[in-house]
Protein backbone atom coordinates (compact mmCIF):
# COMPACT_ATOMS: atom_id res chain seq x y z
CA UNK A 1 111.36 133.49 98.51
CA UNK A 2 112.92 136.58 100.39
CA UNK A 3 113.64 138.56 97.33
CA UNK A 4 110.15 137.86 96.10
CA UNK A 5 108.56 138.86 99.45
CA UNK A 6 110.56 142.30 99.49
CA UNK A 7 109.80 142.90 96.10
CA UNK A 8 106.28 142.40 96.32
CA UNK A 9 105.83 144.06 99.85
CA UNK A 10 107.85 147.20 98.94
CA UNK A 11 106.15 147.65 95.49
CA UNK A 12 102.74 148.97 96.77
CA UNK A 13 101.96 151.58 99.26
CA UNK A 14 99.69 154.45 99.99
CA UNK A 15 102.63 156.62 101.20
CA UNK A 16 105.42 157.73 98.94
CA UNK A 17 108.57 159.62 100.10
CA UNK A 18 109.17 161.17 96.72
CA UNK A 19 107.74 164.61 95.72
CA UNK A 20 108.07 167.12 92.78
CA UNK A 21 110.58 170.01 93.22
CA UNK A 22 110.27 173.31 91.23
CA UNK A 23 113.87 174.42 91.97
CA UNK A 24 112.93 176.78 94.92
CA UNK A 25 114.64 175.91 98.11
CA UNK A 26 111.71 177.36 100.01
CA UNK A 27 109.33 175.87 98.07
CA UNK A 28 111.39 172.60 98.73
CA UNK A 29 111.18 172.95 102.34
CA UNK A 30 107.41 173.66 102.34
CA UNK A 31 106.79 170.80 99.95
CA UNK A 32 109.18 168.32 102.01
CA UNK A 33 107.16 169.38 105.11
CA UNK A 34 103.79 168.88 103.39
CA UNK A 35 104.87 165.50 101.97
CA UNK A 36 106.18 164.32 105.34
CA UNK A 37 103.07 165.44 107.12
CA UNK A 38 101.01 163.62 104.38
CA UNK A 39 102.94 160.44 104.72
CA UNK A 40 102.54 160.65 108.59
CA UNK A 41 98.70 160.93 107.92
CA UNK A 42 98.78 158.09 105.60
CA UNK A 43 100.55 155.88 107.87
CA UNK A 44 98.69 156.55 110.71
CA UNK A 45 95.54 155.96 108.72
CA UNK A 46 96.82 152.58 107.63
CA UNK A 47 97.58 151.53 111.20
CA UNK A 48 94.26 152.55 112.41
CA UNK A 49 92.48 150.78 109.68
CA UNK A 50 94.59 147.55 110.24
CA UNK A 51 93.18 147.45 113.79
CA UNK A 52 89.91 146.56 112.20
CA UNK A 53 91.41 143.36 110.92
CA UNK A 54 93.74 142.36 113.45
CA UNK A 55 92.51 143.66 117.08
CA UNK A 56 89.47 141.85 118.52
CA UNK A 57 88.82 144.98 120.68
CA UNK A 58 88.04 146.89 117.29
CA UNK A 59 85.81 144.00 115.73
CA UNK A 60 83.14 145.93 114.18
CA UNK A 61 82.76 143.75 111.25
CA UNK A 62 79.46 143.55 109.39
CA UNK A 63 80.07 140.57 106.97
CA UNK A 64 82.35 137.52 107.04
CA UNK A 65 84.24 135.60 104.34
CA UNK A 66 84.64 131.84 105.19
CA UNK A 67 88.10 130.28 103.99
CA UNK A 68 89.39 126.98 104.99
CA UNK A 69 86.45 126.48 107.51
CA UNK A 70 87.48 129.69 109.36
CA UNK A 71 85.13 132.87 109.32
CA UNK A 72 87.22 136.19 108.68
CA UNK A 73 85.58 139.45 109.53
CA UNK A 74 85.14 142.18 106.95
CA UNK A 75 83.67 145.68 106.66
CA UNK A 76 81.52 146.08 103.43
CA UNK A 77 81.91 149.78 103.21
CA UNK A 78 85.70 149.28 102.73
CA UNK A 79 85.72 146.42 100.45
CA UNK A 80 83.00 148.01 98.34
CA UNK A 81 85.25 151.30 98.27
CA UNK A 82 88.53 149.57 97.35
CA UNK A 83 87.10 146.77 95.00
CA UNK A 84 84.54 147.08 92.04
CA UNK A 85 83.88 143.39 92.42
CA UNK A 86 82.61 143.71 96.12
CA UNK A 87 80.87 146.96 95.19
CA UNK A 88 78.81 145.23 92.64
CA UNK A 89 78.36 141.96 94.84
CA UNK A 90 77.05 144.25 97.59
CA UNK A 91 74.89 146.36 95.57
CA UNK A 92 72.98 143.29 94.10
CA UNK A 93 72.00 142.44 97.49
CA UNK A 94 73.57 138.87 97.18
CA UNK A 95 74.40 138.32 100.96
CA UNK A 96 74.82 134.71 100.90
CA UNK A 97 74.42 132.87 104.06
CA UNK A 98 73.44 134.81 107.41
CA UNK A 99 75.31 133.80 110.46
CA UNK A 100 74.75 135.44 113.67
CA UNK A 101 73.16 138.35 111.92
CA UNK A 102 76.09 138.86 109.53
CA UNK A 103 76.02 137.79 105.74
CA UNK A 104 78.80 135.07 105.22
CA UNK A 105 80.40 134.42 101.93
CA UNK A 106 82.14 131.37 100.90
CA UNK A 107 85.53 131.61 99.29
CA UNK A 108 84.86 128.79 97.10
CA UNK A 109 81.79 130.71 95.73
CA UNK A 110 83.66 134.00 95.41
CA UNK A 111 86.69 132.43 93.41
CA UNK A 112 85.20 129.26 91.63
CA UNK A 113 88.15 128.75 89.43
CA UNK A 114 90.98 128.61 91.87
CA UNK A 115 91.68 128.26 95.52
CA UNK A 116 92.49 131.05 97.86
CA UNK A 117 93.97 130.13 101.35
CA UNK A 118 93.48 131.72 104.82
CA UNK A 119 97.03 133.22 104.72
CA UNK A 120 96.67 134.81 101.17
CA UNK A 121 93.07 136.11 101.79
CA UNK A 122 94.46 137.84 105.21
CA UNK A 123 97.34 139.53 103.22
CA UNK A 124 95.05 140.61 100.41
CA UNK A 125 92.52 142.18 102.90
CA UNK A 126 95.55 143.97 104.78
CA UNK A 127 96.36 145.50 101.55
CA UNK A 128 92.65 146.58 100.94
CA UNK A 129 92.53 148.20 104.44
CA UNK A 130 96.22 149.55 104.50
CA UNK A 131 97.49 150.09 101.07
CA UNK A 132 100.54 148.07 101.90
CA UNK A 133 101.58 144.65 100.89
CA UNK A 134 102.86 142.32 103.61
CA UNK A 135 105.66 139.82 103.14
CA UNK A 136 104.83 136.37 102.31
CA UNK A 137 104.21 134.33 105.37
CA UNK A 138 107.01 131.83 105.76
CA UNK A 139 104.52 128.95 107.01
CA UNK A 140 102.60 128.88 103.77
CA UNK A 141 105.31 129.99 101.09
CA UNK A 142 108.48 128.04 101.75
CA UNK A 143 109.01 124.21 102.10
CA UNK A 144 110.40 121.82 104.72
CA UNK A 145 113.45 121.02 102.75
CA UNK A 146 116.68 122.60 104.49
CA UNK A 147 118.50 122.83 101.27
CA UNK A 148 115.78 124.74 99.52
CA UNK A 149 116.49 128.36 98.69
CA UNK A 150 112.45 128.94 98.66
CA UNK A 151 112.69 130.90 95.48
CA UNK A 152 110.65 128.37 93.21
CA UNK A 153 109.44 125.49 95.51
CA UNK A 154 105.85 124.38 95.15
CA UNK A 155 104.74 126.20 98.30
CA UNK A 156 106.11 129.48 97.19
CA UNK A 157 104.48 129.11 93.60
CA UNK A 158 101.00 127.93 95.36
CA UNK A 159 100.98 130.89 97.83
CA UNK A 160 101.83 133.42 94.98
CA UNK A 161 99.12 131.78 92.80
CA UNK A 162 96.50 131.93 95.73
CA UNK A 163 97.34 135.83 95.96
CA UNK A 164 96.79 136.13 92.24
CA UNK A 165 93.44 134.58 92.19
CA UNK A 166 92.32 136.96 94.98
CA UNK A 167 93.79 139.93 93.28
CA UNK A 168 92.50 139.15 89.64
CA UNK A 169 88.98 138.13 90.95
CA UNK A 170 88.45 141.01 93.32
CA UNK A 171 89.89 143.31 90.52
CA UNK A 172 92.91 144.79 92.03
CA UNK A 173 94.73 145.76 89.08
CA UNK A 174 97.91 147.14 90.70
CA UNK A 175 98.36 143.89 92.88
CA UNK A 176 97.72 141.71 89.67
CA UNK A 177 100.67 143.47 88.04
CA UNK A 178 102.93 142.89 91.18
CA UNK A 179 102.13 139.22 91.54
CA UNK A 180 102.20 138.54 88.14
CA UNK A 181 105.98 139.88 87.74
CA UNK A 182 106.86 137.43 90.61
CA UNK A 183 104.83 134.42 88.89
CA UNK A 184 106.68 135.21 85.70
CA UNK A 185 110.20 134.76 87.48
CA UNK A 186 108.97 131.56 88.81
CA UNK A 187 108.30 130.05 85.63
CA UNK A 188 112.07 130.13 84.39
CA UNK A 189 113.32 128.60 88.05
CA UNK A 190 110.71 126.21 88.76
CA UNK A 191 110.51 122.50 87.85
CA UNK A 192 108.08 122.20 84.97
CA UNK A 193 105.45 120.16 87.14
CA UNK A 194 105.36 123.30 89.44
CA UNK A 195 104.63 125.46 86.51
CA UNK A 196 101.33 123.76 85.78
CA UNK A 197 99.41 125.68 88.48
CA UNK A 198 100.86 129.06 87.30
CA UNK A 199 99.72 128.17 83.63
CA UNK A 200 96.28 127.28 85.02
CA UNK A 201 96.01 130.50 86.86
CA UNK A 202 97.11 132.48 83.93
CA UNK A 203 94.33 130.86 82.00
CA UNK A 204 91.53 131.53 84.15
CA UNK A 205 92.81 135.23 85.28
CA UNK A 206 93.22 135.95 81.44
CA UNK A 207 96.93 136.94 81.83
CA UNK A 208 97.93 136.50 78.15
CA UNK A 209 101.59 137.55 78.62
CA UNK A 210 102.08 134.95 81.55
CA UNK A 211 100.16 132.50 79.67
CA UNK A 212 102.11 132.70 76.77
CA UNK A 213 105.44 132.37 78.63
CA UNK A 214 104.25 129.37 80.68
CA UNK A 215 103.00 127.61 77.37
CA UNK A 216 106.50 128.24 76.03
CA UNK A 217 108.28 126.57 78.86
CA UNK A 218 105.82 123.48 79.14
CA UNK A 219 105.98 123.04 75.38
CA UNK A 220 109.86 122.86 75.43
CA UNK A 221 109.87 120.47 78.45
CA UNK A 222 109.51 116.59 78.46
CA UNK A 223 106.35 116.62 80.16
CA UNK A 224 104.27 113.68 78.82
CA UNK A 225 101.27 114.13 76.72
CA UNK A 226 99.01 112.43 79.41
CA UNK A 227 99.96 114.66 82.16
CA UNK A 228 99.25 117.68 79.94
CA UNK A 229 95.64 116.41 79.00
CA UNK A 230 94.82 115.17 82.80
CA UNK A 231 96.40 118.47 84.42
CA UNK A 232 95.61 121.44 82.04
CA UNK A 233 92.28 122.75 80.70
CA UNK A 234 91.35 121.10 77.18
CA UNK A 235 92.25 124.61 75.28
CA UNK A 236 95.66 124.89 77.13
CA UNK A 237 96.63 121.36 76.52
CA UNK A 238 95.84 121.83 72.83
CA UNK A 239 97.84 125.00 72.55
CA UNK A 240 100.87 123.34 74.29
CA UNK A 241 100.59 120.54 71.89
CA UNK A 242 100.45 122.59 69.00
CA UNK A 243 103.19 124.96 70.15
CA UNK A 244 105.32 121.55 70.70
CA UNK A 245 104.94 120.41 67.47
CA UNK A 246 105.82 123.74 65.80
CA UNK A 247 109.04 123.87 67.92
CA UNK A 248 109.95 120.38 66.76
CA UNK A 249 109.36 121.33 63.42
CA UNK A 250 111.62 124.41 63.38
CA UNK A 251 114.36 122.73 65.42
CA UNK A 252 114.68 119.47 63.43
CA UNK A 253 113.59 120.44 60.03
CA UNK A 254 114.68 119.11 57.60
CA UNK A 255 115.10 115.91 59.75
CA UNK A 256 112.26 113.48 60.19
CA UNK A 257 110.49 114.05 63.43
CA UNK A 258 110.25 110.81 65.60
CA UNK A 259 106.61 109.74 66.02
CA UNK A 260 105.22 107.66 68.53
CA UNK A 261 103.69 104.41 67.51
CA UNK A 262 100.18 105.15 67.35
CA UNK A 263 98.98 101.72 67.96
CA UNK A 264 101.26 101.36 71.17
CA UNK A 265 99.59 104.83 72.32
CA UNK A 266 95.96 103.62 71.79
CA UNK A 267 96.69 100.51 73.82
CA UNK A 268 98.25 102.53 76.69
CA UNK A 269 95.24 104.89 76.57
CA UNK A 270 92.62 101.93 76.88
CA UNK A 271 94.50 100.75 79.64
CA UNK A 272 94.36 104.13 81.28
CA UNK A 273 90.84 104.50 80.72
CA UNK A 274 90.23 101.17 82.26
CA UNK A 275 91.91 102.25 85.47
CA UNK A 276 89.99 105.34 85.55
CA UNK A 277 86.90 103.23 85.66
CA UNK A 278 88.21 101.15 88.52
CA UNK A 279 88.01 98.13 86.24
CA UNK A 280 90.92 96.00 86.91
CA UNK A 281 89.25 93.08 85.13
CA UNK A 282 89.46 94.88 81.89
CA UNK A 283 92.96 95.91 82.33
CA UNK A 284 93.68 92.30 82.73
CA UNK A 285 91.88 91.48 79.43
CA UNK A 286 93.60 94.27 77.66
CA UNK A 287 96.94 93.07 78.58
CA UNK A 288 96.26 89.58 77.52
CA UNK A 289 94.59 90.68 74.13
CA UNK A 290 97.28 93.13 73.09
CA UNK A 291 101.21 93.17 72.72
CA UNK A 292 101.87 95.75 75.49
CA UNK A 293 102.78 95.19 79.42
CA UNK A 294 102.16 97.26 82.46
CA UNK A 295 105.44 98.89 82.32
CA UNK A 296 105.40 99.84 78.59
CA UNK A 297 102.02 101.43 79.39
CA UNK A 298 103.33 103.20 82.41
CA UNK A 299 100.00 101.94 83.93
CA UNK A 300 101.19 102.06 87.67
CA UNK A 301 102.63 105.62 87.03
CA UNK A 302 99.38 106.66 85.89
CA UNK A 303 97.49 104.91 88.51
CA UNK A 304 99.38 106.51 91.63
CA UNK A 305 99.07 109.80 89.88
CA UNK A 306 95.34 109.89 89.10
CA UNK A 307 93.44 106.74 90.43
CA UNK A 308 91.73 105.80 93.60
CA UNK A 309 94.35 104.19 96.16
CA UNK A 310 92.30 100.93 96.14
CA UNK A 311 92.79 100.64 92.36
CA UNK A 312 96.56 101.35 92.98
CA UNK A 313 96.59 98.34 95.38
CA UNK A 314 94.55 95.89 92.91
CA UNK A 315 97.03 96.77 90.13
CA UNK A 316 100.04 96.09 92.53
CA UNK A 317 98.44 92.78 93.66
CA UNK A 318 98.48 91.72 89.94
CA UNK A 319 102.18 91.44 90.35
CA UNK A 320 102.75 92.35 86.52
CA UNK A 321 104.67 95.56 87.29
CA UNK A 322 108.33 96.52 87.91
CA UNK A 323 108.01 98.91 91.00
CA UNK A 324 111.45 100.31 90.07
CA UNK A 325 110.63 101.10 86.41
CA UNK A 326 111.30 104.52 85.31
CA UNK A 327 108.84 106.37 82.87
CA UNK A 328 110.10 108.53 79.93
CA UNK A 329 111.09 111.44 82.26
CA UNK A 330 113.28 109.12 84.39
CA UNK A 331 110.90 108.97 87.47
CA UNK A 332 110.08 105.67 89.20
CA UNK A 333 106.62 105.09 90.49
CA UNK A 334 107.48 106.15 94.02
CA UNK A 335 108.62 109.47 92.59
CA UNK A 336 105.32 110.00 90.88
CA UNK A 337 103.53 108.75 94.05
CA UNK A 338 105.52 111.27 96.30
CA UNK A 339 104.06 114.26 94.25
CA UNK A 340 100.51 113.09 95.20
CA UNK A 341 101.50 112.76 98.86
CA UNK A 342 99.01 109.86 99.55
CA UNK A 343 100.31 107.87 102.47
CA UNK A 344 98.43 104.49 101.57
CA UNK A 345 99.82 104.57 98.26
CA UNK A 346 103.29 105.12 99.38
CA UNK A 347 102.99 102.47 102.10
CA UNK A 348 101.61 100.08 99.45
CA UNK A 349 104.46 100.76 97.00
CA UNK A 350 107.29 100.08 99.72
CA UNK A 351 105.33 97.12 101.09
CA UNK A 352 105.58 95.55 97.42
CA UNK A 353 109.37 96.43 97.11
CA UNK A 354 109.58 99.91 95.72
CA UNK A 355 113.05 101.41 96.46
CA UNK A 356 113.09 105.01 98.37
CA UNK A 357 116.64 105.44 97.79
CA UNK A 358 116.28 105.81 93.88
CA UNK A 359 116.71 109.24 92.58
CA UNK A 360 115.27 111.16 89.68
CA UNK A 361 117.77 112.45 86.89
CA UNK A 362 118.22 115.56 89.03
CA UNK A 363 119.23 113.85 92.12
CA UNK A 364 115.85 114.00 94.15
CA UNK A 365 114.64 111.10 96.07
CA UNK A 366 110.96 110.50 96.92
CA UNK A 367 111.22 112.04 100.36
CA UNK A 368 113.16 115.03 99.22
CA UNK A 369 110.38 115.43 96.44
CA UNK A 370 107.90 115.37 99.46
CA UNK A 371 109.66 117.75 101.49
CA UNK A 372 109.68 120.31 98.42
CA UNK A 373 105.98 120.12 98.46
CA UNK A 374 105.31 120.30 102.04
CA UNK A 375 104.50 123.77 103.66
CA UNK A 376 105.85 124.21 107.33
CA UNK A 377 102.32 124.86 108.36
CA UNK A 378 101.01 121.49 107.29
CA UNK A 379 104.25 119.58 108.51
CA UNK A 380 104.31 121.31 112.13
CA UNK A 381 100.38 121.00 112.39
CA UNK A 382 99.51 119.54 115.75
CA UNK A 383 97.18 116.61 115.44
CA UNK A 384 95.15 115.91 118.67
CA UNK A 385 94.51 112.42 119.82
CA UNK A 386 91.96 110.63 118.16
CA UNK A 387 92.15 112.91 115.04
CA UNK A 388 93.59 111.91 111.61
CA UNK A 389 97.17 112.39 111.44
CA UNK A 390 98.28 115.17 108.92
CA UNK A 391 99.02 113.42 105.49
CA UNK A 392 102.06 115.73 104.66
CA UNK A 393 104.02 114.77 107.54
CA UNK A 394 102.96 111.22 107.70
CA UNK A 395 104.24 110.87 104.06
CA UNK A 396 107.65 112.22 104.88
CA UNK A 397 107.87 110.22 108.02
CA UNK A 398 107.00 106.92 106.10
CA UNK A 399 109.55 107.76 103.44
CA UNK A 400 112.31 108.73 105.93
CA UNK A 401 111.75 105.51 107.97
CA UNK A 402 112.28 103.62 104.74
CA UNK A 403 115.57 105.34 103.81
CA UNK A 404 116.74 104.64 107.37
CA UNK A 405 115.74 101.11 107.22
CA UNK A 406 117.26 100.67 103.68
CA UNK A 407 120.44 102.23 104.96
CA UNK A 408 120.76 99.71 107.83
CA UNK A 409 119.79 96.80 105.99
CA UNK A 410 121.49 97.39 102.73
CA UNK A 411 124.00 94.84 101.73
CA UNK A 412 125.69 96.98 99.13
CA UNK A 413 126.14 99.94 101.39
CA UNK A 414 128.51 98.94 103.82
CA UNK A 415 128.96 102.43 105.26
CA UNK A 416 127.94 104.22 108.36
CA UNK A 417 124.27 105.01 108.77
CA UNK A 418 124.97 108.31 109.40
CA UNK A 419 125.62 108.73 105.55
CA UNK A 420 122.50 109.97 104.02
CA UNK A 421 121.67 107.19 101.33
CA UNK A 422 120.03 109.63 98.85
CA UNK A 423 123.07 111.68 98.81
CA UNK A 424 124.23 111.24 95.23
CA UNK A 425 127.87 112.41 95.92
CA UNK A 426 128.15 110.27 98.88
CA UNK A 427 127.02 107.23 97.21
CA UNK A 428 129.23 107.90 94.28
CA UNK A 429 132.15 108.21 96.63
CA UNK A 430 131.49 105.06 98.34
CA UNK A 431 131.19 103.01 95.08
CA UNK A 432 134.23 104.59 93.42
CA UNK A 433 136.32 103.67 96.38
CA UNK A 434 134.86 99.95 96.55
CA UNK A 435 135.42 99.72 92.83
CA UNK A 436 139.03 101.18 92.93
CA UNK A 437 139.95 98.84 95.77
CA UNK A 438 138.66 96.07 93.72
CA UNK A 439 140.88 96.92 90.96
CA UNK A 440 143.92 97.19 93.23
CA UNK A 441 143.43 93.77 94.73
CA UNK A 442 141.49 91.63 92.22
CA UNK A 443 142.27 93.46 88.78
CA UNK A 444 141.04 90.66 86.62
CA UNK A 445 137.98 90.05 88.52
CA UNK A 446 137.14 93.75 88.85
CA UNK A 447 137.86 94.09 85.00
CA UNK A 448 135.24 91.36 84.35
CA UNK A 449 132.64 92.95 86.61
CA UNK A 450 133.16 96.34 85.07
CA UNK A 451 132.98 94.98 81.55
CA UNK A 452 129.56 93.35 82.28
CA UNK A 453 128.40 96.36 83.86
CA UNK A 454 129.49 98.70 80.97
CA UNK A 455 131.33 100.76 83.59
CA UNK A 456 134.06 101.67 81.39
CA UNK A 457 131.49 103.72 79.16
CA UNK A 458 130.79 106.08 81.93
CA UNK A 459 132.75 108.86 83.47
CA UNK A 460 133.22 111.16 86.45
CA UNK A 461 135.80 108.94 88.48
CA UNK A 462 137.58 105.82 87.38
CA UNK A 463 139.54 105.11 90.73
CA UNK A 464 143.10 106.21 90.97
CA UNK A 465 144.08 106.67 87.13
CA UNK A 466 140.95 108.99 86.81
CA UNK A 467 142.29 111.88 88.51
CA UNK A 468 144.82 112.54 85.92
CA UNK A 469 144.81 112.64 82.16
CA UNK A 470 147.05 110.88 79.95
CA UNK A 471 149.49 113.84 79.99
CA UNK A 472 149.70 113.47 83.81
CA UNK A 473 147.75 116.60 84.21
CA UNK A 474 144.33 117.08 86.17
CA UNK A 475 141.39 116.29 83.67
CA UNK A 476 139.54 119.15 82.14
CA UNK A 477 136.26 120.07 83.34
CA UNK A 478 133.37 121.34 81.27
CA UNK A 479 132.39 124.70 82.67
CA UNK A 480 129.43 124.88 80.49
CA UNK A 481 127.90 121.76 81.55
CA UNK A 482 124.25 122.22 83.07
CA UNK A 483 123.21 120.87 86.56
CA UNK A 484 120.88 118.73 85.12
CA UNK A 485 123.18 117.08 82.39
CA UNK A 486 125.90 116.59 84.98
CA UNK A 487 123.32 114.70 87.35
CA UNK A 488 122.36 112.63 84.44
CA UNK A 489 125.99 111.84 83.91
CA UNK A 490 126.48 111.11 87.68
CA UNK A 491 123.42 109.00 87.71
CA UNK A 492 124.59 107.09 84.96
CA UNK A 493 127.89 106.33 86.60
CA UNK A 494 126.35 105.46 89.70
CA UNK A 495 124.25 102.86 88.01
CA UNK A 496 127.17 101.48 86.20
CA UNK A 497 129.11 101.22 89.77
CA UNK A 498 126.26 99.57 91.42
CA UNK A 499 125.93 96.78 88.75
CA UNK A 500 129.64 96.38 89.09
CA UNK A 501 129.54 95.59 92.83
CA UNK A 502 126.35 93.31 92.14
CA UNK A 503 128.40 91.36 89.61
CA UNK A 504 131.27 91.17 92.05
CA UNK A 505 128.96 89.79 94.77
CA UNK A 506 127.51 87.26 92.48
CA UNK A 507 130.56 85.75 91.05
CA UNK A 508 133.04 86.43 93.49
CA UNK A 509 131.68 86.63 97.06
CA UNK A 510 134.54 86.07 99.02
CA UNK A 511 136.58 88.88 97.55
CA UNK A 512 133.66 91.10 98.06
CA UNK A 513 134.06 90.15 102.05
CA UNK A 514 137.29 91.21 102.02
CA UNK A 515 136.40 94.59 100.34
CA UNK A 516 133.50 94.97 102.80
CA UNK A 517 136.30 94.51 105.68
CA UNK A 518 138.41 97.20 103.92
CA UNK A 519 135.63 99.76 103.62
CA UNK A 520 134.43 99.20 107.04
CA UNK A 521 137.78 99.98 108.62
CA UNK A 522 137.95 103.36 110.20
CA UNK A 523 141.75 103.56 109.84
CA UNK A 524 141.40 102.73 106.11
CA UNK A 525 143.34 105.31 103.86
CA UNK A 526 141.02 106.98 101.15
CA UNK A 527 141.99 105.50 97.87
CA UNK A 528 142.33 108.86 96.01
CA UNK A 529 144.97 109.88 98.55
CA UNK A 530 147.29 106.80 98.36
CA UNK A 531 149.87 108.59 96.15
CA UNK A 532 149.84 111.84 98.39
CA UNK A 533 151.37 113.12 101.37
CA UNK A 534 155.13 112.47 102.66
CA UNK A 535 157.17 109.12 101.90
CA UNK A 536 156.29 108.45 105.69
CA UNK A 537 152.58 108.67 105.24
CA UNK A 538 152.64 106.78 101.92
CA UNK A 539 154.50 104.00 103.48
CA UNK A 540 151.79 103.92 106.31
CA UNK A 541 149.09 103.59 103.55
CA UNK A 542 150.97 100.86 101.67
CA UNK A 543 151.00 98.94 104.93
CA UNK A 544 147.41 98.64 105.32
CA UNK A 545 147.34 96.81 101.93
CA UNK A 546 150.27 94.42 103.05
CA UNK A 547 148.49 93.56 106.36
CA UNK A 548 145.54 92.27 104.50
CA UNK A 549 147.48 90.30 101.94
CA UNK A 550 146.77 87.04 103.52
CA UNK A 551 142.95 87.59 103.70
CA UNK A 552 142.88 88.47 100.07
CA UNK A 553 144.86 85.35 99.06
CA UNK A 554 142.65 83.34 100.81
CA UNK A 555 139.58 84.93 99.75
CA UNK A 556 141.22 84.59 96.08
CA UNK A 557 141.71 80.76 96.35
CA UNK A 558 138.40 80.18 97.94
CA UNK A 559 136.37 81.94 94.98
CA UNK A 560 138.58 79.90 92.65
CA UNK A 561 137.64 76.77 94.47
CA UNK A 562 133.90 77.79 94.68
CA UNK A 563 133.57 78.44 91.12
CA UNK A 564 135.36 74.94 90.12
CA UNK A 565 132.87 73.05 92.15
CA UNK A 566 129.67 75.04 90.37
CA UNK A 567 131.15 74.39 87.00
CA UNK A 568 131.70 78.23 86.26
CA UNK A 569 134.43 79.06 84.01
CA UNK A 570 137.46 80.68 86.20
CA UNK A 571 139.39 82.11 83.06
CA UNK A 572 139.07 85.56 84.42
CA UNK A 573 140.37 84.39 87.89
CA UNK A 574 143.02 82.38 86.31
CA UNK A 575 144.28 85.48 84.49
CA UNK A 576 145.66 86.97 87.79
CA UNK A 577 147.42 84.72 90.53
CA UNK A 578 147.62 85.80 93.82
CA UNK A 579 151.29 86.80 93.22
CA UNK A 580 150.42 88.90 90.72
CA UNK A 581 147.95 90.68 92.95
CA UNK A 582 150.75 90.93 95.65
CA UNK A 583 153.08 92.34 92.99
CA UNK A 584 150.32 94.68 91.84
CA UNK A 585 149.99 96.10 95.29
CA UNK A 586 153.74 96.38 95.80
CA UNK A 587 153.98 98.29 92.45
CA UNK A 588 151.18 100.75 93.67
């Protein structure tokens, strides 16, 4: 958020280096001298007034504003002179609570429709006292994801929203304009879920232009109707729904719009209401009486997002939900729970078998989601012995430990534990290599597994032959492909490859063991480079295949024998003899 910080902090100041010129050099010199003197005086005034806020030796405050349980000393004369809101507040004589002879005002009372944190209040007060807007504090305006640019992550947005609530409520119009410009830029960059707090702030602060921009963004997104109704004020939710319907009609006309089954929607809503009432017995009854399942109603997605943790555990105990079920947006239950950041819910899901390595359509795992929602202030907060641990840090630690455990124990991922399992490209590389080796060593078996997994219908890599087109040239790359579409394509390819490997393990386990040995060998040449290098290098690469020929043939015969004993058909295996496999390797 560095650009935003510089933009906001450099936009407002009492002092200005510009001055008017009437064309006379003597007047210019005198005007320049006068301007410089004025700037120096204003800068000194700002510095002196700032001491009233930051220097304990100059603590002559006559009132306090309590925020996050911390009292912040203020001077009513300065606040009243700078803000009409405070002028009217003090004029009415509503001094609130009195602590140690000073009136104390609660921030929650001053800003009832929004939240203003300690850091945002201090930056706002600094502007009131000095006329200069400080850069955003990184401990509350960035996240703990090292790969994030912090230009649209949730902490960056939340901090700007807090500053907007303070600026709008306390009627600092010039500051409202600066922060509004920053929020406007966020809307186009942020995830749609993170646009919601901006939309709500625009509604409460009556920022019509920003509100319209947010509504347009949310209406064009795939955010479901339930989320809109739960997270937005009724009027705003209604406007978004209306805007979405008009946009669909304009884009699809004269095509017939796809309409959700009203009966299905009604049944799902009944289950959601039962969950809101903590009535699991009613949920059971609705499931038995209606033709709908927990997964079809996205009931567990709903529960982890909006219900009490004990309700989530009771639903889990029913044993009726697929924990890795994805909703209409491609999010698993754990992805939704990660946004809520409730440790007890995350642990309950993981204990029941939810996968921490599953990614969203844009490549985010649950731990990545958590990291992009967490501020350094919260993550690095020191907890004294005996006190409750910080939830943000606890959620990340739980998910990271599960990722490491899955990496070590995963049968499908026979790679070094140093490889991060949520890295989409690394996982693709591993599975592409594995399937490519299978096609070289067991062509018929690999072909059968790929057909069952429908792996031939996906693209990105297809082993050795994929790096070149039919004419021998490199494959074309769609430069206009958006990151979201690309990630969806990669995810589709990854799922197909994983299923291919699972089919191979199920029906050709001994061949899979040989492949494991290939991939665990540090000296094994990468499949995609077998045809590169000097003749000597290529010979060395081919030699690795020849060295394991005996193991390959033994595994082949053993799978055939096992399948014959179990009564399975061996048509796919009989289509390729060991000799054919060996010849295939020699041809390569």
